[in-house]
C-alpha atoms as a PDB file:
ATOM      1  CA  UNK A   1       0.011   0.017   0.039  1.00  0.00           C
ATOM      2  CA  UNK A   2       0.982   3.631  -0.355  1.00  0.00           C
ATOM      3  CA  UNK A   3       2.641   5.645   2.446  1.00  0.00           C
ATOM      4  CA  UNK A   4      -0.722   7.536   3.110  1.00  0.00           C
ATOM      5  CA  UNK A   5      -2.489   4.159   3.520  1.00  0.00           C
ATOM      6  CA  UNK A   6      -4.378   4.232   0.304  1.00  0.00           C
ATOM      7  CA  UNK A   7      -4.063   1.605  -2.209  1.00  0.00           C
ATOM      8  CA  UNK A   8      -5.454  -0.051  -5.342  1.00  0.00           C
ATOM      9  CA  UNK A   9      -6.070  -3.973  -5.123  1.00  0.00           C
ATOM     10  CA  UNK A  10      -6.786  -5.818  -8.370  1.00  0.00           C
ATOM     11  CA  UNK A  11      -8.623  -9.100  -7.888  1.00  0.00           C
ATOM     12  CA  UNK A  12      -8.438 -11.354 -11.013  1.00  0.00           C
ATOM     13  CA  UNK A  13      -9.403 -14.928 -11.832  1.00  0.00           C
ATOM     14  CA  UNK A  14     -11.465 -16.991 -14.074  1.00  0.00           C
ATOM     15  CA  UNK A  15     -15.212 -16.790 -14.116  1.00  0.00           C
ATOM     16  CA  UNK A  16     -16.752 -18.461 -11.191  1.00  0.00           C
ATOM     17  CA  UNK A  17     -13.362 -18.687  -9.207  1.00  0.00           C
ATOM     18  CA  UNK A  18     -14.497 -16.754  -6.212  1.00  0.00           C
ATOM     19  CA  UNK A  19     -13.073 -13.329  -7.106  1.00  0.00           C
ATOM     20  CA  UNK A  20     -16.185 -11.403  -6.002  1.00  0.00           C
ATOM     21  CA  UNK A  21     -16.261 -13.175  -2.671  1.00  0.00           C
ATOM     22  CA  UNK A  22     -12.632 -12.604  -2.108  1.00  0.00           C
ATOM     23  CA  UNK A  23     -12.844  -9.015  -3.130  1.00  0.00           C
ATOM     24  CA  UNK A  24     -15.810  -8.160  -0.883  1.00  0.00           C
ATOM     25  CA  UNK A  25     -14.118  -9.823   2.165  1.00  0.00           C
ATOM     26  CA  UNK A  26     -10.815  -8.009   1.457  1.00  0.00           C
ATOM     27  CA  UNK A  27     -12.669  -4.735   1.105  1.00  0.00           C
ATOM     28  CA  UNK A  28     -14.461  -5.122   4.400  1.00  0.00           C
ATOM     29  CA  UNK A  29     -11.268  -6.002   6.176  1.00  0.00           C
ATOM     30  CA  UNK A  30      -9.286  -3.141   4.474  1.00  0.00           C
ATOM     31  CA  UNK A  31     -11.940  -0.469   4.603  1.00  0.00           C
ATOM     32  CA  UNK A  32     -12.272  -0.469   1.041  1.00  0.00           C
ATOM     33  CA  UNK A  33     -14.820  -0.346  -1.755  1.00  0.00           C
ATOM     34  CA  UNK A  34     -15.242  -2.859  -4.640  1.00  0.00           C
ATOM     35  CA  UNK A  35     -15.746  -1.905  -8.291  1.00  0.00           C
ATOM     36  CA  UNK A  36     -16.774  -4.729 -10.484  1.00  0.00           C
ATOM     37  CA  UNK A  37     -15.430  -4.977 -14.038  1.00  0.00           C
ATOM     38  CA  UNK A  38     -18.569  -6.461 -14.982  1.00  0.00           C
ATOM     39  CA  UNK A  39     -20.265  -3.113 -14.395  1.00  0.00           C
ATOM     40  CA  UNK A  40     -17.492  -1.322 -16.607  1.00  0.00           C
ATOM     41  CA  UNK A  41     -17.876  -3.854 -19.402  1.00  0.00           C
ATOM     42  CA  UNK A  42     -21.823  -4.154 -19.292  1.00  0.00           C
ATOM     43  CA  UNK A  43     -22.962  -3.952 -23.000  1.00  0.00           C
ATOM     44  CA  UNK A  44     -19.614  -2.511 -23.937  1.00  0.00           C
ATOM     45  CA  UNK A  45     -16.927  -5.043 -24.544  1.00  0.00           C
ATOM     46  CA  UNK A  46     -16.191  -8.282 -22.584  1.00  0.00           C
ATOM     47  CA  UNK A  47     -12.395  -7.555 -22.421  1.00  0.00           C
ATOM     48  CA  UNK A  48     -11.605  -4.132 -23.597  1.00  0.00           C
ATOM     49  CA  UNK A  49     -12.701  -1.959 -20.797  1.00  0.00           C
ATOM     50  CA  UNK A  50      -9.354  -1.140 -19.159  1.00  0.00           C
ATOM     51  CA  UNK A  51      -9.318   2.432 -20.572  1.00  0.00           C
ATOM     52  CA  UNK A  52     -12.709   2.967 -18.826  1.00  0.00           C
ATOM     53  CA  UNK A  53     -11.281   1.647 -15.572  1.00  0.00           C
ATOM     54  CA  UNK A  54      -8.096   3.905 -15.799  1.00  0.00           C
ATOM     55  CA  UNK A  55      -9.818   7.033 -16.974  1.00  0.00           C
ATOM     56  CA  UNK A  56     -12.966   6.903 -14.913  1.00  0.00           C
ATOM     57  CA  UNK A  57     -12.163   4.969 -11.808  1.00  0.00           C
ATOM     58  CA  UNK A  58      -8.435   4.316 -10.960  1.00  0.00           C
ATOM     59  CA  UNK A  59      -7.158   7.682 -12.170  1.00  0.00           C
ATOM     60  CA  UNK A  60      -9.652   9.872 -10.441  1.00  0.00           C
ATOM     61  CA  UNK A  61      -9.524   7.891  -7.270  1.00  0.00           C
ATOM     62  CA  UNK A  62      -5.718   8.107  -7.125  1.00  0.00           C
ATOM     63  CA  UNK A  63      -5.985  11.901  -7.641  1.00  0.00           C
ATOM     64  CA  UNK A  64      -8.464  11.971  -4.591  1.00  0.00           C
ATOM     65  CA  UNK A  65     -11.353  12.860  -6.903  1.00  0.00           C
ATOM     66  CA  UNK A  66     -14.951  11.682  -6.686  1.00  0.00           C
ATOM     67  CA  UNK A  67     -15.635   8.593  -8.703  1.00  0.00           C
ATOM     68  CA  UNK A  68     -19.019   8.634 -10.186  1.00  0.00           C
ATOM     69  CA  UNK A  69     -19.051   7.259 -13.672  1.00  0.00           C
ATOM     70  CA  UNK A  70     -21.864   5.923 -15.910  1.00  0.00           C
ATOM     71  CA  UNK A  71     -20.289   3.508 -18.365  1.00  0.00           C
ATOM     72  CA  UNK A  72     -21.004   3.863 -22.123  1.00  0.00           C
ATOM     73  CA  UNK A  73     -23.074   0.572 -22.089  1.00  0.00           C
ATOM     74  CA  UNK A  74     -25.255   1.824 -19.216  1.00  0.00           C
ATOM     75  CA  UNK A  75     -26.135   5.000 -21.187  1.00  0.00           C
ATOM     76  CA  UNK A  76     -26.716   3.141 -24.400  1.00  0.00           C
ATOM     77  CA  UNK A  77     -29.077   0.692 -22.841  1.00  0.00           C
ATOM     78  CA  UNK A  78     -30.839   2.911 -20.441  1.00  0.00           C
ATOM     79  CA  UNK A  79     -29.502   1.352 -17.203  1.00  0.00           C
ATOM     80  CA  UNK A  80     -29.932   3.773 -14.248  1.00  0.00           C
ATOM     81  CA  UNK A  81     -27.187   4.817 -11.800  1.00  0.00           C
ATOM     82  CA  UNK A  82     -23.413   4.787 -12.000  1.00  0.00           C
ATOM     83  CA  UNK A  83     -20.241   3.280 -10.837  1.00  0.00           C
ATOM     84  CA  UNK A  84     -19.211   5.064  -7.635  1.00  0.00           C
ATOM     85  CA  UNK A  85     -16.579   4.882  -4.993  1.00  0.00           C
ATOM     86  CA  UNK A  86     -17.602   6.306  -1.586  1.00  0.00           C
ATOM     87  CA  UNK A  87     -15.527   9.343  -0.392  1.00  0.00           C
ATOM     88  CA  UNK A  88     -12.915   8.519   2.117  1.00  0.00           C
ATOM     89  CA  UNK A  89     -12.333   5.019   0.992  1.00  0.00           C
ATOM     90  CA  UNK A  90      -8.676   3.921   1.701  1.00  0.00           C
ATOM     91  CA  UNK A  91      -8.484   0.929  -0.602  1.00  0.00           C
ATOM     92  CA  UNK A  92     -10.069   0.601  -4.047  1.00  0.00           C
ATOM     93  CA  UNK A  93     -10.620  -3.027  -5.045  1.00  0.00           C
ATOM     94  CA  UNK A  94     -11.287  -3.739  -8.740  1.00  0.00           C
ATOM     95  CA  UNK A  95     -12.380  -7.164  -9.353  1.00  0.00           C
ATOM     96  CA  UNK A  96     -13.185  -9.277 -12.415  1.00  0.00           C
ATOM     97  CA  UNK A  97     -11.846 -11.241 -15.289  1.00  0.00           C
ATOM     98  CA  UNK A  98      -8.907  -9.220 -16.574  1.00  0.00           C
ATOM     99  CA  UNK A  99      -8.631  -6.844 -13.561  1.00  0.00           C
ATOM    100  CA  UNK A 100      -4.982  -7.993 -13.169  1.00  0.00           C
ATOM    101  CA  UNK A 101      -4.053  -7.285 -17.002  1.00  0.00           C
ATOM    102  CA  UNK A 102      -0.746  -5.685 -17.678  1.00  0.00           C
ATOM    103  CA  UNK A 103      -2.223  -2.260 -18.540  1.00  0.00           C
ATOM    104  CA  UNK A 104      -3.979  -2.010 -15.017  1.00  0.00           C
ATOM    105  CA  UNK A 105      -1.257  -3.810 -12.947  1.00  0.00           C
ATOM    106  CA  UNK A 106       1.019  -0.863 -13.585  1.00  0.00           C
ATOM    107  CA  UNK A 107      -1.376   1.301 -11.451  1.00  0.00           C
ATOM    108  CA  UNK A 108      -1.942  -1.248  -8.612  1.00  0.00           C
ATOM    109  CA  UNK A 109      -0.407  -1.780  -5.297  1.00  0.00           C
ATOM    110  CA  UNK A 110      -1.407  -5.401  -5.032  1.00  0.00           C
ATOM    111  CA  UNK A 111      -2.504  -7.972  -7.670  1.00  0.00           C
ATOM    112  CA  UNK A 112      -4.304 -11.075  -6.573  1.00  0.00           C
ATOM    113  CA  UNK A 113      -5.139 -14.109  -8.873  1.00  0.00           C
ATOM    114  CA  UNK A 114      -7.973 -16.383  -7.644  1.00  0.00           C
ATOM    115  CA  UNK A 115      -7.280 -19.906  -8.816  1.00  0.00           C
ATOM    116  CA  UNK A 116     -10.130 -22.528  -8.909  1.00  0.00           C
ATOM    117  CA  UNK A 117     -10.735 -25.870 -10.437  1.00  0.00           C
ATOM    118  CA  UNK A 118     -12.303 -25.184 -13.865  1.00  0.00           C
ATOM    119  CA  UNK A 119     -15.165 -27.588 -13.441  1.00  0.00           C
ATOM    120  CA  UNK A 120     -16.027 -26.291  -9.907  1.00  0.00           C
ATOM    121  CA  UNK A 121     -15.816 -22.633 -11.101  1.00  0.00           C
ATOM    122  CA  UNK A 122     -18.055 -23.466 -14.122  1.00  0.00           C
ATOM    123  CA  UNK A 123     -20.731 -24.967 -11.881  1.00  0.00           C
ATOM    124  CA  UNK A 124     -20.511 -22.201  -9.426  1.00  0.00           C
ATOM    125  CA  UNK A 125     -21.016 -19.668 -12.293  1.00  0.00           C
ATOM    126  CA  UNK A 126     -23.930 -21.476 -13.611  1.00  0.00           C
ATOM    127  CA  UNK A 127     -25.597 -21.781 -10.163  1.00  0.00           C
ATOM    128  CA  UNK A 128     -25.112 -17.983  -9.680  1.00  0.00           C
ATOM    129  CA  UNK A 129     -26.628 -17.147 -13.223  1.00  0.00           C
ATOM    130  CA  UNK A 130     -29.644 -19.498 -12.426  1.00  0.00           C
ATOM    131  CA  UNK A 131     -30.073 -17.759  -9.014  1.00  0.00           C
ATOM    132  CA  UNK A 132     -30.145 -14.425 -10.953  1.00  0.00           C
ATOM    133  CA  UNK A 133     -33.016 -15.590 -13.064  1.00  0.00           C
ATOM    134  CA  UNK A 134     -31.728 -17.509 -16.086  1.00  0.00           C
ATOM    135  CA  UNK A 135     -32.738 -21.041 -16.938  1.00  0.00           C
ATOM    136  CA  UNK A 136     -30.072 -23.663 -16.661  1.00  0.00           C
ATOM    137  CA  UNK A 137     -29.941 -23.821 -20.573  1.00  0.00           C
ATOM    138  CA  UNK A 138     -29.642 -19.992 -20.746  1.00  0.00           C
ATOM    139  CA  UNK A 139     -26.830 -19.904 -18.181  1.00  0.00           C
ATOM    140  CA  UNK A 140     -25.003 -22.618 -20.107  1.00  0.00           C
ATOM    141  CA  UNK A 141     -25.329 -20.794 -23.480  1.00  0.00           C
ATOM    142  CA  UNK A 142     -24.148 -17.494 -21.796  1.00  0.00           C
ATOM    143  CA  UNK A 143     -21.231 -19.332 -20.006  1.00  0.00           C
ATOM    144  CA  UNK A 144     -20.023 -20.912 -23.328  1.00  0.00           C
ATOM    145  CA  UNK A 145     -20.343 -17.604 -25.154  1.00  0.00           C
ATOM    146  CA  UNK A 146     -18.463 -15.750 -22.464  1.00  0.00           C
ATOM    147  CA  UNK A 147     -15.611 -18.310 -22.632  1.00  0.00           C
ATOM    148  CA  UNK A 148     -15.036 -17.567 -26.228  1.00  0.00           C
ATOM    149  CA  UNK A 149     -13.853 -13.984 -25.011  1.00  0.00           C
ATOM    150  CA  UNK A 150     -12.292 -15.078 -21.618  1.00  0.00           C
ATOM    151  CA  UNK A 151     -10.216 -18.013 -22.631  1.00  0.00           C
ATOM    152  CA  UNK A 152      -8.209 -16.150 -25.393  1.00  0.00           C
ATOM    153  CA  UNK A 153      -7.779 -13.021 -23.372  1.00  0.00           C
ATOM    154  CA  UNK A 154      -6.426 -14.825 -20.437  1.00  0.00           C
ATOM    155  CA  UNK A 155      -4.127 -16.999 -22.626  1.00  0.00           C
ATOM    156  CA  UNK A 156      -2.664 -13.906 -24.081  1.00  0.00           C
ATOM    157  CA  UNK A 157      -2.401 -11.720 -21.033  1.00  0.00           C
ATOM    158  CA  UNK A 158      -1.649 -14.332 -18.365  1.00  0.00           C
ATOM    159  CA  UNK A 159      -2.413 -12.035 -15.443  1.00  0.00           C
ATOM    160  CA  UNK A 160      -1.578 -14.814 -12.926  1.00  0.00           C
ATOM    161  CA  UNK A 161       2.104 -14.375 -13.792  1.00  0.00           C
ATOM    162  CA  UNK A 162       2.089 -10.809 -12.268  1.00  0.00           C
ATOM    163  CA  UNK A 163       0.034 -11.697  -9.268  1.00  0.00           C
ATOM    164  CA  UNK A 164       1.563 -10.742  -5.875  1.00  0.00           C
ATOM    165  CA  UNK A 165      -0.725 -13.311  -4.157  1.00  0.00           C
ATOM    166  CA  UNK A 166      -2.409 -16.413  -5.527  1.00  0.00           C
ATOM    167  CA  UNK A 167      -5.485 -17.416  -3.637  1.00  0.00           C
ATOM    168  CA  UNK A 168      -7.413 -20.646  -3.874  1.00  0.00           C
ATOM    169  CA  UNK A 169     -11.052 -20.119  -4.631  1.00  0.00           C
ATOM    170  CA  UNK A 170     -11.963 -23.849  -4.277  1.00  0.00           C
ATOM    171  CA  UNK A 171     -14.567 -24.948  -1.740  1.00  0.00           C
ATOM    172  CA  UNK A 172     -13.204 -25.454   1.725  1.00  0.00           C
ATOM    173  CA  UNK A 173     -11.763 -22.108   2.513  1.00  0.00           C
ATOM    174  CA  UNK A 174      -9.009 -19.742   1.415  1.00  0.00           C
ATOM    175  CA  UNK A 175      -5.421 -20.629   0.795  1.00  0.00           C
ATOM    176  CA  UNK A 176      -3.090 -17.772   0.080  1.00  0.00           C
ATOM    177  CA  UNK A 177       0.360 -18.146  -1.427  1.00  0.00           C
ATOM    178  CA  UNK A 178       2.780 -15.600  -2.499  1.00  0.00           C
ATOM    179  CA  UNK A 179       2.873 -15.001  -6.252  1.00  0.00           C
ATOM    180  CA  UNK A 180       5.813 -14.487  -8.520  1.00  0.00           C
ATOM    181  CA  UNK A 181       7.580 -11.078  -9.336  1.00  0.00           C
ATOM    182  CA  UNK A 182       5.494  -8.846 -11.544  1.00  0.00           C
ATOM    183  CA  UNK A 183       6.502  -8.780 -15.126  1.00  0.00           C
END
């Protein structure tokens, strides 16, 4: 973290790995606020939202400015509200697939990769989507479509290689191990 006690924590991992749960727990422990990359990418682009994160979330927060941004997909689709970070927050937690990408890791104090068994992560993601109102078939179609963007992105960027910490998101609790040096 920075000398003034403020910091940016990026939480990355495959879909269904447990990123959101870890990010929310970390934010609670650290007095932080979570911004979900899914909100930045909503009806925009599954993987090309890092410019939005830098320009409208990380940059303003680092400068001590108010973060209150309505992403382009929200405006285009008529979604109410905006992405906000409460004033006085000491730790900004950005979580989602691709949060630990090279372009954002340069602006972070800590990068975490949440690792989980792929089959377990898939089942967890499908359960979550069904709980949100999709049928199982709709959830499976959405998952498979999402993987066509996620898999090549992660294979190319390899965010786990720059993680400061690797966390197990598999059932049975959290196991934390130091990551490798950032590249």
